[in-house]
Amino acid sequence: MFHEFFNRALGGKPRSGCRLVALVVLALSMPGMGRDKKHSASAATSAKPQDQRIAFDLSKIVWPNPPAIARIRWMKQFSGEKLTLAKTKKVRGQQKWLQQIGGKKPQAEMDLDIPFQLLRPFGLAVDSKGKIYVADQSVGAVFIFNAESPAVEMIRNRHEASFGLIYGMTMDDNDRLFVSDLKLRHIAVFNAKHQQEASFGADVLERPGGLAVDTENRFLYVVDTEKDVVDVFDADSFKLLRQIGTPGKKHSLTSPGTFSLPSHVAVDKEGNVYVTDTLNDRVEIFDADGNFISTFGRNGDGPGYFQRPKGIAIDPDGHIWVVDGTQDRVQVFNREGQLLIYFGTHGEWPGMFMAANDICIDKQNRVFVSEQFLGRVQMFRYVSDAEAEKERSMREGKGEPAVFQKEDAGARTTKSAGVSPQ
């Protein structure tokens, strides 16, 4: 039902909600909008250009645009520990004092004084309490954010853990955190108290990437990018059970059921496995036994096509969300590979991305997307099918337009995205 709420508002081509931001900014910057001429003239003469600020309501960033029923809402972003002038002055003062007396504070203690910021975030995970875990390669740490609080926890290299080059993450139903390490070629396991309790896979893995856990069947899926396979481990004993794909072909395979530089993996409620086959610009679907089911996607720069798909996640309604690392776009598909909606483009505004990489959807329908070049994670809210249906019924009861229609799914996709179903 996801697609039934988008297409009339989208018309020929889906419009980015960020266009709404631009229009609001433009309106607020025009004379006479929310201020008198005298105030405007005074502000123009007294304020320096770099000091001028324009305020707009971030809650208005939605997809699709009104009057359609919103299905995706921008919520907030995370970038690191709070930076304060007082803390910066304190650190500088300590360094100057230590220089004067000729002493030196242990490096481990000095590190604690520095506010950590995201630099190159990759993998994402969410625990049962709703805390957001972000793997940052450049910092060499896992940031732990709370959407309801400014406090930031961390699992840091040389402090709480020993990291080489971390990449993918996933969380099981016991809040055990699994982290893939490209340099150490293993998976590190942390308990709910953020203490490392195990590591495994160094004898099997060459370049472990994206991770996903099947909590029902107790499978841990590990994408081995270098070997072009997905390794399936027992999530409790960490024993290798089987491989999906054909190794040793050096990213040359294109036939269904094989991979060329796979990147990320996701699991749905039925135990089906979804893998982004990056160099083949497609998504492949397997059952819980590793049998190939289907594939969708092909190379192209328009909506519905891929140019290096990476992060992948499945929402509670079964829709497939795929991050395109080259186009900086998140696209949502049904199981048949028909495009339902997309959002994002290159840029720094909320709802835009710079080298988007991973995506994670939690039980609260919150959607998180990491991006490398801006060092941030953006949080969105997916409006479920049930919520959208409730909104539609409410609007119809009030006699308001619901922008709701029923037609062939293929026609909907073609009409809204300008591409044929793949």
Protein backbone atom coordinates (compact mmCIF):
# COMPACT_ATOMS: atom_id res chain seq x y z
CA MET A 1 0.00 0.00 0.00
CA PHE A 2 3.03 2.27 0.28
CA HIS A 3 2.74 3.41 -3.35
CA GLU A 4 -0.96 4.30 -3.14
CA PHE A 5 -0.25 7.57 -1.33
CA PHE A 6 2.45 9.09 -3.52
CA ASN A 7 1.70 9.21 -7.15
CA ARG A 8 -1.01 11.78 -7.77
CA ALA A 9 1.00 14.40 -5.89
CA LEU A 10 4.20 13.40 -7.63
CA GLY A 11 2.76 13.61 -11.14
CA GLY A 12 5.41 12.94 -13.75
CA LYS A 13 8.50 12.95 -11.57
CA PRO A 14 8.79 12.74 -7.78
CA ARG A 15 9.81 16.05 -6.28
CA SER A 16 12.34 16.20 -3.44
CA GLY A 17 11.05 17.52 -0.16
CA CYS A 18 14.21 19.61 -0.01
CA ARG A 19 12.69 21.78 -2.75
CA LEU A 20 10.23 22.81 -0.08
CA VAL A 21 13.14 23.97 2.06
CA ALA A 22 14.45 26.13 -0.76
CA LEU A 23 11.03 27.73 -1.29
CA VAL A 24 10.64 28.48 2.40
CA VAL A 25 14.13 29.96 2.56
CA LEU A 26 13.39 32.11 -0.48
CA ALA A 27 10.11 33.31 0.98
CA LEU A 28 11.64 34.18 4.32
CA SER A 29 14.45 36.10 2.67
CA MET A 30 12.06 38.36 0.72
CA PRO A 31 11.23 41.85 2.11
CA GLY A 32 7.87 42.08 3.84
CA MET A 33 7.66 38.39 4.78
CA GLY A 34 7.15 38.39 8.55
CA ARG A 35 8.80 41.82 9.14
CA ASP A 36 8.15 45.49 8.41
CA LYS A 37 10.21 47.60 6.01
CA LYS A 38 11.82 49.62 8.77
CA HIS A 39 13.00 46.52 10.57
CA SER A 40 14.25 45.00 7.31
CA ALA A 41 16.23 48.09 6.40
CA SER A 42 17.74 48.31 9.86
CA ALA A 43 18.76 44.65 9.81
CA ALA A 44 20.29 45.01 6.36
CA THR A 45 22.52 47.89 7.42
CA SER A 46 23.52 46.63 10.85
CA ALA A 47 24.19 42.96 10.22
CA LYS A 48 27.18 41.65 8.33
CA PRO A 49 26.35 39.19 5.51
CA GLN A 50 28.06 36.32 7.32
CA ASP A 51 26.04 37.07 10.48
CA GLN A 52 22.62 36.90 8.83
CA ARG A 53 20.52 33.86 9.68
CA ILE A 54 17.36 32.53 8.08
CA ALA A 55 15.03 30.37 10.15
CA PHE A 56 12.68 27.79 8.70
CA ASP A 57 10.61 24.93 10.03
CA LEU A 58 12.48 21.66 9.53
CA SER A 59 9.33 19.72 10.36
CA LYS A 60 8.00 20.76 6.95
CA ILE A 61 10.55 18.58 5.15
CA VAL A 62 8.47 15.63 4.00
CA TRP A 63 8.11 13.28 1.05
CA PRO A 64 5.95 13.41 -1.03
CA ASN A 65 5.11 17.10 -0.97
CA PRO A 66 1.74 18.33 0.36
CA PRO A 67 -1.14 17.94 -0.13
CA ALA A 68 -0.22 14.26 -0.47
CA ILE A 69 -0.12 12.23 2.72
CA ALA A 70 3.45 12.39 4.04
CA ARG A 71 5.19 9.01 4.13
CA ILE A 72 8.71 10.15 5.07
CA ARG A 73 9.53 12.98 7.49
CA TRP A 74 12.91 14.51 8.24
CA MET A 75 13.48 14.52 12.02
CA LYS A 76 17.02 15.48 13.07
CA GLN A 77 20.71 14.79 12.56
CA PHE A 78 23.63 13.62 14.69
CA SER A 79 27.21 14.81 14.30
CA GLY A 80 29.01 14.09 17.57
CA GLU A 81 29.52 15.34 21.10
CA LYS A 82 28.30 18.82 21.89
CA LEU A 83 30.94 21.47 21.23
CA THR A 84 31.08 24.23 23.84
CA LEU A 85 33.35 27.25 24.06
CA ALA A 86 33.95 26.57 27.74
CA LYS A 87 35.25 23.06 27.10
CA THR A 88 37.49 24.28 24.27
CA LYS A 89 39.01 26.97 26.49
CA LYS A 90 39.50 24.42 29.27
CA VAL A 91 41.44 22.05 27.00
CA ARG A 92 43.62 24.87 25.66
CA GLY A 93 44.25 26.12 29.19
CA GLN A 94 45.34 22.67 30.34
CA GLN A 95 47.71 22.32 27.40
CA LYS A 96 49.27 25.76 28.04
CA TRP A 97 49.66 25.08 31.78
CA LEU A 98 51.31 21.72 31.10
CA GLN A 99 53.75 23.37 28.71
CA GLN A 100 54.69 25.97 31.33
CA ILE A 101 55.45 23.44 34.05
CA GLY A 102 57.10 21.04 31.67
CA GLY A 103 54.74 18.23 32.49
CA LYS A 104 52.67 16.11 30.21
CA LYS A 105 49.25 14.62 30.73
CA PRO A 106 48.87 10.98 29.62
CA GLN A 107 47.57 10.80 26.06
CA ALA A 108 44.63 8.62 27.12
CA GLU A 109 43.47 11.32 29.53
CA MET A 110 43.99 14.12 27.00
CA ASP A 111 41.83 12.22 24.51
CA LEU A 112 38.97 12.23 26.99
CA ASP A 113 39.02 16.04 27.11
CA ILE A 114 38.46 16.47 23.38
CA PRO A 115 34.87 16.59 22.11
CA PHE A 116 34.62 13.82 19.52
CA GLN A 117 32.86 14.51 16.22
CA LEU A 118 31.83 12.17 13.41
CA LEU A 119 34.31 12.21 10.53
CA ARG A 120 33.61 9.18 8.34
CA PRO A 121 30.56 7.31 9.64
CA PHE A 122 29.69 3.99 8.03
CA GLY A 123 27.75 1.20 9.77
CA LEU A 124 24.56 1.76 11.79
CA ALA A 125 22.61 -0.17 14.41
CA VAL A 126 19.89 0.50 17.01
CA ASP A 127 19.48 -1.26 20.36
CA SER A 128 16.30 -2.17 22.28
CA LYS A 129 16.36 1.16 24.12
CA GLY A 130 16.39 3.11 20.88
CA LYS A 131 20.03 4.22 21.10
CA ILE A 132 21.76 4.72 17.74
CA TYR A 133 25.19 3.16 17.13
CA VAL A 134 27.46 4.62 14.45
CA ALA A 135 30.81 3.16 13.33
CA ASP A 136 33.32 5.89 12.44
CA GLN A 137 36.48 4.76 10.64
CA SER A 138 38.47 7.97 10.99
CA VAL A 139 37.78 8.44 14.70
CA GLY A 140 38.19 4.72 15.31
CA ALA A 141 35.16 4.52 17.54
CA VAL A 142 31.51 3.58 17.77
CA PHE A 143 29.39 6.61 18.67
CA ILE A 144 26.22 5.94 20.67
CA PHE A 145 23.53 8.62 20.34
CA ASN A 146 20.23 9.10 22.14
CA ALA A 147 17.58 10.93 20.12
CA GLU A 148 16.01 12.18 23.36
CA SER A 149 19.21 13.45 24.98
CA PRO A 150 22.37 15.35 23.92
CA ALA A 151 24.56 12.86 25.80
CA VAL A 152 26.92 10.77 23.63
CA GLU A 153 28.53 7.50 24.67
CA MET A 154 31.46 5.90 22.86
CA ILE A 155 33.26 2.62 22.33
CA ARG A 156 36.76 3.81 21.43
CA ASN A 157 39.85 2.22 20.04
CA ARG A 158 42.58 1.74 22.68
CA HIS A 159 40.07 2.39 25.43
CA GLU A 160 37.02 0.12 25.42
CA ALA A 161 38.04 -1.84 22.32
CA SER A 162 40.79 -2.67 19.85
CA PHE A 163 39.76 -1.61 16.35
CA GLY A 164 41.63 -1.68 13.06
CA LEU A 165 39.27 -0.26 10.43
CA ILE A 166 35.61 -0.69 11.39
CA TYR A 167 32.83 -0.73 8.83
CA GLY A 168 29.53 -2.62 9.27
CA MET A 169 27.35 -3.17 12.34
CA THR A 170 24.25 -5.00 13.45
CA MET A 171 22.47 -5.69 16.74
CA ASP A 172 20.72 -8.85 17.95
CA ASP A 173 17.69 -9.08 20.26
CA ASN A 174 19.97 -9.32 23.33
CA ASP A 175 21.62 -6.00 22.45
CA ARG A 176 24.83 -7.72 21.42
CA LEU A 177 26.66 -5.52 18.96
CA PHE A 178 28.53 -7.07 16.01
CA VAL A 179 31.17 -4.89 14.30
CA SER A 180 33.06 -5.83 11.14
CA ASP A 181 36.72 -4.83 10.97
CA LEU A 182 38.31 -4.54 7.52
CA LYS A 183 41.89 -4.40 8.81
CA LEU A 184 41.70 -7.13 11.45
CA ARG A 185 39.48 -9.23 9.14
CA HIS A 186 37.14 -10.31 11.89
CA ILE A 187 33.83 -9.57 13.60
CA ALA A 188 34.06 -8.06 17.10
CA VAL A 189 31.22 -8.82 19.52
CA PHE A 190 30.19 -6.50 22.37
CA ASN A 191 27.69 -7.23 25.11
CA ALA A 192 24.92 -4.90 26.27
CA LYS A 193 27.40 -3.16 28.60
CA HIS A 194 29.62 -2.34 25.61
CA GLN A 195 32.31 -4.76 26.72
CA GLN A 196 34.04 -6.79 24.02
CA GLU A 197 33.39 -10.45 24.71
CA ALA A 198 34.53 -12.19 21.53
CA SER A 199 35.88 -11.92 18.00
CA PHE A 200 35.68 -14.43 15.19
CA GLY A 201 36.08 -14.98 11.45
CA ALA A 202 39.75 -14.09 10.97
CA ASP A 203 40.39 -17.55 9.55
CA VAL A 204 37.59 -17.15 6.99
CA LEU A 205 37.03 -13.50 6.16
CA GLU A 206 39.13 -11.37 3.83
CA ARG A 207 37.28 -8.04 3.80
CA PRO A 208 34.13 -8.17 5.95
CA GLY A 209 31.61 -5.45 5.20
CA GLY A 210 27.88 -5.16 5.86
CA LEU A 211 26.20 -7.26 8.55
CA ALA A 212 22.68 -8.45 9.36
CA VAL A 213 21.27 -10.80 11.96
CA ASP A 214 18.27 -13.12 11.68
CA THR A 215 17.08 -13.25 15.29
CA GLU A 216 14.55 -16.03 14.62
CA ASN A 217 16.85 -18.49 12.84
CA ARG A 218 19.94 -17.26 14.75
CA PHE A 219 21.94 -16.53 11.60
CA LEU A 220 24.55 -13.79 11.29
CA TYR A 221 25.13 -12.69 7.68
CA VAL A 222 28.53 -11.18 6.85
CA VAL A 223 29.26 -9.72 3.43
CA ASP A 224 32.81 -10.53 2.35
CA THR A 225 33.40 -7.87 -0.27
CA GLU A 226 36.74 -9.21 -1.44
CA LYS A 227 35.57 -12.82 -1.88
CA ASP A 228 32.21 -11.88 -3.49
CA VAL A 229 30.24 -13.97 -1.00
CA VAL A 230 27.95 -13.67 1.99
CA ASP A 231 29.13 -15.85 4.87
CA VAL A 232 26.45 -17.27 7.15
CA PHE A 233 27.51 -17.83 10.77
CA ASP A 234 25.64 -19.21 13.75
CA ALA A 235 24.84 -16.05 15.73
CA ASP A 236 25.58 -17.74 19.06
CA SER A 237 28.45 -20.17 18.47
CA PHE A 238 29.97 -18.07 15.62
CA LYS A 239 30.49 -21.24 13.59
CA LEU A 240 30.51 -20.83 9.81
CA LEU A 241 27.47 -22.61 8.40
CA ARG A 242 27.60 -21.89 4.67
CA GLN A 243 28.34 -19.32 1.96
CA ILE A 244 26.05 -17.60 -0.51
CA GLY A 245 27.73 -16.79 -3.83
CA THR A 246 30.79 -17.98 -5.71
CA PRO A 247 34.24 -16.93 -4.43
CA GLY A 248 37.49 -16.48 -6.29
CA LYS A 249 36.25 -14.84 -9.51
CA LYS A 250 37.63 -11.35 -8.74
CA HIS A 251 34.38 -9.40 -9.16
CA SER A 252 33.76 -10.73 -12.66
CA LEU A 253 30.48 -12.65 -12.19
CA THR A 254 27.13 -11.29 -13.32
CA SER A 255 24.77 -14.28 -13.33
CA PRO A 256 21.87 -14.35 -10.82
CA GLY A 257 22.88 -15.71 -7.43
CA THR A 258 26.46 -14.48 -7.74
CA PHE A 259 28.03 -11.19 -6.69
CA SER A 260 30.51 -8.62 -7.88
CA LEU A 261 31.77 -6.60 -4.92
CA PRO A 262 28.70 -7.00 -2.68
CA SER A 263 28.36 -4.36 0.00
CA HIS A 264 25.48 -4.67 2.47
CA VAL A 265 22.86 -7.17 3.57
CA ALA A 266 19.43 -7.07 5.25
CA VAL A 267 16.92 -9.64 6.52
CA ASP A 268 13.11 -9.39 6.55
CA LYS A 269 10.61 -10.89 9.02
CA GLU A 270 10.34 -14.11 6.99
CA GLY A 271 14.09 -14.65 7.06
CA ASN A 272 14.64 -13.68 3.41
CA VAL A 273 18.04 -12.14 2.70
CA TYR A 274 18.63 -9.01 0.59
CA VAL A 275 22.12 -8.19 -0.73
CA THR A 276 23.31 -5.09 -2.57
CA ASP A 277 25.44 -6.37 -5.45
CA THR A 278 27.35 -3.14 -5.90
CA LEU A 279 29.28 -3.50 -9.17
CA ASN A 280 26.31 -5.23 -10.82
CA ASP A 281 24.02 -2.37 -9.70
CA ARG A 282 21.30 -4.64 -8.38
CA VAL A 283 19.66 -6.15 -5.30
CA GLU A 284 19.53 -9.95 -4.98
CA ILE A 285 17.06 -11.82 -2.78
CA PHE A 286 17.59 -15.26 -1.19
CA ASP A 287 15.56 -17.41 1.20
CA ALA A 288 16.71 -18.39 4.70
CA ASP A 289 18.44 -21.50 3.27
CA GLY A 290 20.48 -19.41 0.85
CA ASN A 291 18.48 -20.32 -2.27
CA PHE A 292 18.26 -17.59 -4.90
CA ILE A 293 14.77 -16.08 -5.30
CA SER A 294 14.97 -13.00 -7.50
CA THR A 295 16.87 -9.86 -8.40
CA PHE A 296 16.02 -6.31 -9.45
CA GLY A 297 17.91 -3.21 -10.54
CA ARG A 298 20.26 -2.15 -13.30
CA ASN A 299 22.74 0.61 -14.03
CA GLY A 300 21.42 4.09 -14.71
CA ASP A 301 21.28 7.60 -13.28
CA GLY A 302 17.51 8.03 -13.09
CA PRO A 303 15.02 7.12 -10.37
CA GLY A 304 14.62 3.37 -10.09
CA TYR A 305 18.15 2.70 -11.35
CA PHE A 306 21.39 2.23 -9.45
CA GLN A 307 24.91 3.58 -9.53
CA ARG A 308 26.68 1.67 -6.77
CA PRO A 309 23.94 0.57 -4.34
CA LYS A 310 25.22 0.19 -0.78
CA GLY A 311 23.18 0.25 2.42
CA ILE A 312 19.92 -1.70 2.46
CA ALA A 313 17.13 -2.09 5.04
CA ILE A 314 13.62 -3.55 5.22
CA ASP A 315 10.83 -1.58 6.93
CA PRO A 316 8.08 -3.23 9.02
CA ASP A 317 5.75 -3.21 6.00
CA GLY A 318 8.26 -5.14 3.90
CA HIS A 319 9.45 -2.31 1.63
CA ILE A 320 13.09 -2.36 0.53
CA TRP A 321 15.12 0.81 1.17
CA VAL A 322 18.37 1.10 -0.79
CA VAL A 323 21.10 3.75 -0.48
CA ASP A 324 22.77 4.75 -3.75
CA GLY A 325 26.27 5.90 -2.86
CA THR A 326 26.95 7.64 -6.17
CA GLN A 327 23.61 9.38 -6.67
CA ASP A 328 23.26 10.22 -2.94
CA ARG A 329 19.72 8.98 -3.03
CA VAL A 330 17.57 6.61 -0.98
CA GLN A 331 15.07 4.64 -3.06
CA VAL A 332 12.18 2.54 -1.74
CA PHE A 333 10.99 -0.52 -3.67
CA ASN A 334 8.42 -3.26 -3.28
CA ARG A 335 9.39 -6.92 -3.42
CA GLU A 336 8.98 -6.96 -7.22
CA GLY A 337 11.53 -4.16 -7.58
CA GLN A 338 9.03 -1.45 -8.48
CA LEU A 339 10.04 2.00 -7.32
CA LEU A 340 7.64 3.52 -4.79
CA ILE A 341 9.39 6.74 -3.81
CA TYR A 342 12.86 8.24 -3.51
CA PHE A 343 14.48 11.14 -1.72
CA GLY A 344 17.86 12.84 -1.55
CA THR A 345 20.42 14.34 -3.89
CA HIS A 346 23.95 15.77 -3.59
CA GLY A 347 24.01 18.55 -1.01
CA GLU A 348 24.42 19.67 2.57
CA TRP A 349 20.84 20.64 3.43
CA PRO A 350 18.67 18.34 5.55
CA GLY A 351 17.38 15.54 3.34
CA MET A 352 20.41 15.76 1.02
CA PHE A 353 23.50 13.58 1.24
CA MET A 354 27.24 13.66 0.65
CA ALA A 355 28.56 10.12 0.08
CA ALA A 356 25.63 8.32 1.70
CA ASN A 357 26.57 4.83 2.82
CA ASP A 358 24.44 2.84 5.25
CA ILE A 359 20.79 2.76 6.33
CA CYS A 360 19.02 1.30 9.35
CA ILE A 361 15.31 1.14 10.26
CA ASP A 362 14.23 0.41 13.83
CA LYS A 363 10.98 -0.85 15.38
CA GLN A 364 9.81 2.73 15.89
CA ASN A 365 9.91 3.29 12.11
CA ARG A 366 12.85 5.65 12.48
CA VAL A 367 15.18 5.62 9.48
CA PHE A 368 18.88 6.46 9.86
CA VAL A 369 21.27 7.23 6.99
CA SER A 370 25.03 7.74 7.38
CA GLU A 371 27.08 9.93 5.06
CA GLN A 372 30.85 10.19 4.98
CA PHE A 373 31.79 13.61 3.65
CA LEU A 374 29.67 15.68 6.04
CA GLY A 375 30.29 13.43 9.00
CA ARG A 376 26.69 13.07 10.08
CA VAL A 377 23.75 10.70 10.44
CA GLN A 378 20.31 11.92 9.47
CA MET A 379 17.15 10.58 11.10
CA PHE A 380 13.84 10.30 9.24
CA ARG A 381 10.44 8.93 10.23
CA TYR A 382 8.69 6.39 8.02
CA VAL A 383 4.91 6.77 8.11
CA SER A 384 3.65 3.20 7.93
CA ASP A 385 0.88 1.87 5.72
CA ALA A 386 -1.48 1.66 8.71
CA GLU A 387 -0.72 5.24 9.77
CA ALA A 388 -1.19 6.54 6.24
CA GLU A 389 -4.49 4.68 5.89
CA LYS A 390 -5.70 6.21 9.15
CA GLU A 391 -4.76 9.67 7.89
CA ARG A 392 -6.55 9.02 4.61
CA SER A 393 -9.74 7.97 6.40
CA MET A 394 -9.55 11.01 8.65
CA ARG A 395 -9.19 13.38 5.69
CA GLU A 396 -12.05 11.79 3.83
CA GLY A 397 -14.22 12.09 6.95
CA LYS A 398 -13.50 15.81 7.02
CA GLY A 399 -14.10 16.18 3.30
CA GLU A 400 -10.43 17.02 2.65
CA PRO A 401 -8.43 15.71 -0.32
CA ALA A 402 -6.52 12.56 0.61
CA VAL A 403 -4.47 12.21 -2.60
CA PHE A 404 -5.21 8.53 -2.70
CA GLN A 405 -5.83 6.35 -5.71
CA LYS A 406 -5.88 2.73 -6.71
CA GLU A 407 -4.46 1.60 -10.01
CA ASP A 408 -2.10 -0.97 -11.44
CA ALA A 409 1.18 -1.05 -9.54
CA GLY A 410 3.26 -0.96 -12.70
CA ALA A 411 1.37 2.08 -13.97
CA ARG A 412 1.87 3.81 -10.64
CA THR A 413 5.60 3.30 -10.74
CA THR A 414 5.91 4.41 -14.35
CA LYS A 415 3.79 7.49 -13.78
CA SER A 416 5.54 8.63 -10.61
CA ALA A 417 9.13 7.91 -11.49
CA GLY A 418 9.29 8.12 -15.24
CA VAL A 419 10.88 4.67 -15.50
CA SER A 420 9.61 1.24 -16.30
CA PRO A 421 9.39 -1.38 -13.55
CA GLN A 422 12.51 -3.52 -13.52
